[in-house]
């Protein structure tokens, strides 16, 4: 199960692209005067501050459930790094060739 990352919106918005690309579930904590973010990603939700603890916990639990049911495929980049969700492993050149071959079949 992936941990849900809590981010203050819009103060920590520079981290969103990285988290989105890695498929990390995230809950955006929106400031009282800030407009909510535009998002259609099922691994992203937001709550306006101040928020009651039970509301935040409910949204985190929902994101955890969505993340556990989301099927994603490992990705191999040009440098031979095999990435899956928020983890990665470096492959040898032979392992990279084999992974590329099997992913194209």
Protein backbone atom coordinates (compact mmCIF):
# COMPACT_ATOMS: atom_id res chain seq x y z
CA UNK A 1 0.00 0.00 0.00
CA UNK A 2 1.27 3.46 -0.88
CA UNK A 3 1.38 6.22 1.69
CA UNK A 4 -0.70 9.28 0.96
CA UNK A 5 1.37 12.46 0.79
CA UNK A 6 -0.15 15.58 2.33
CA UNK A 7 0.74 18.84 0.56
CA UNK A 8 -0.20 22.41 1.39
CA UNK A 9 -1.85 24.02 -1.64
CA UNK A 10 -0.62 26.19 -3.28
CA UNK A 11 2.56 26.59 -1.16
CA UNK A 12 3.97 23.14 -2.04
CA UNK A 13 2.60 22.87 -5.58
CA UNK A 14 6.11 22.45 -7.05
CA UNK A 15 6.10 18.83 -5.79
CA UNK A 16 2.89 17.85 -7.62
CA UNK A 17 4.33 17.00 -11.04
CA UNK A 18 6.82 14.56 -9.55
CA UNK A 19 4.23 12.88 -7.32
CA UNK A 20 1.74 12.67 -10.18
CA UNK A 21 4.29 11.11 -12.53
CA UNK A 22 5.19 8.49 -9.93
CA UNK A 23 1.55 7.68 -9.18
CA UNK A 24 1.81 8.67 -5.53
CA UNK A 25 -1.57 9.37 -3.90
CA UNK A 26 -1.80 12.88 -2.47
CA UNK A 27 -4.17 14.99 -0.41
CA UNK A 28 -3.90 18.73 -0.98
CA UNK A 29 -4.55 20.88 2.06
CA UNK A 30 -6.07 24.02 0.57
CA UNK A 31 -5.64 27.30 2.43
CA UNK A 32 -8.77 29.14 3.55
CA UNK A 33 -8.44 31.85 0.89
CA UNK A 34 -6.89 29.78 -1.91
CA UNK A 35 -8.84 28.47 -4.89
CA UNK A 36 -9.00 24.67 -5.06
CA UNK A 37 -6.78 22.92 -7.60
CA UNK A 38 -8.06 21.53 -10.90
CA UNK A 39 -7.57 17.77 -10.86
CA UNK A 40 -9.18 14.76 -12.48
CA UNK A 41 -6.65 12.26 -11.10
CA UNK A 42 -8.25 9.57 -8.93
CA UNK A 43 -5.11 9.54 -6.76
CA UNK A 44 -5.55 13.20 -5.82
CA UNK A 45 -8.05 14.89 -3.56
CA UNK A 46 -8.23 18.11 -1.57
CA UNK A 47 -9.73 19.45 1.60
CA UNK A 48 -10.09 23.07 2.72
CA UNK A 49 -8.33 24.11 5.92
CA UNK A 50 -9.16 24.21 8.71
CA UNK A 51 -10.44 20.66 8.37
CA UNK A 52 -11.65 18.32 11.08
CA UNK A 53 -9.39 15.31 11.73
CA UNK A 54 -12.13 12.77 10.85
CA UNK A 55 -12.61 14.47 7.46
CA UNK A 56 -8.89 14.35 6.67
CA UNK A 57 -8.64 10.70 7.79
CA UNK A 58 -11.64 9.77 5.63
CA UNK A 59 -10.10 11.36 2.53
CA UNK A 60 -6.73 9.69 3.22
CA UNK A 61 -8.44 6.31 3.62
CA UNK A 62 -10.29 6.81 0.33
CA UNK A 63 -7.05 7.68 -1.48
CA UNK A 64 -5.32 4.63 0.04
CA UNK A 65 -8.15 2.41 -1.21
CA UNK A 66 -8.00 3.94 -4.70
CA UNK A 67 -4.21 3.52 -4.82
CA UNK A 68 -4.38 -0.13 -3.81
CA UNK A 69 -6.93 -0.87 -6.54
CA UNK A 70 -5.10 1.07 -9.28
CA UNK A 71 -3.15 -1.23 -11.55
CA UNK A 72 0.00 0.29 -12.98
CA UNK A 73 2.78 -1.16 -15.07
CA UNK A 74 6.49 -0.86 -14.40
CA UNK A 75 8.29 1.56 -16.71
CA UNK A 76 11.82 1.26 -18.05
CA UNK A 77 13.54 4.54 -18.86
CA UNK A 78 16.38 5.20 -21.31
CA UNK A 79 18.99 4.94 -18.52
CA UNK A 80 17.98 1.40 -17.54
CA UNK A 81 15.99 2.38 -14.45
CA UNK A 82 12.96 0.20 -13.94
CA UNK A 83 10.32 2.22 -12.06
CA UNK A 84 7.19 0.96 -10.38
CA UNK A 85 5.06 3.45 -8.44
CA UNK A 86 7.45 5.13 -6.00
CA UNK A 87 10.26 2.55 -6.27
CA UNK A 88 13.03 1.92 -8.79
CA UNK A 89 15.90 -0.47 -9.52
CA UNK A 90 18.83 -0.08 -11.88
CA UNK A 91 19.07 -2.85 -14.50
CA UNK A 92 22.23 -4.08 -16.19
CA UNK A 93 22.43 -3.59 -19.97
CA UNK A 94 21.45 -7.24 -20.56
CA UNK A 95 18.53 -7.00 -18.11
CA UNK A 96 17.41 -3.78 -19.83
CA UNK A 97 17.43 -5.49 -23.24
CA UNK A 98 15.44 -8.41 -21.88
CA UNK A 99 12.92 -6.10 -20.17
CA UNK A 100 12.49 -4.07 -23.35
CA UNK A 101 12.00 -7.24 -25.38
CA UNK A 102 9.38 -8.69 -23.01
CA UNK A 103 7.50 -5.40 -22.71
CA UNK A 104 7.11 -5.26 -26.50
CA UNK A 105 5.71 -8.81 -26.78
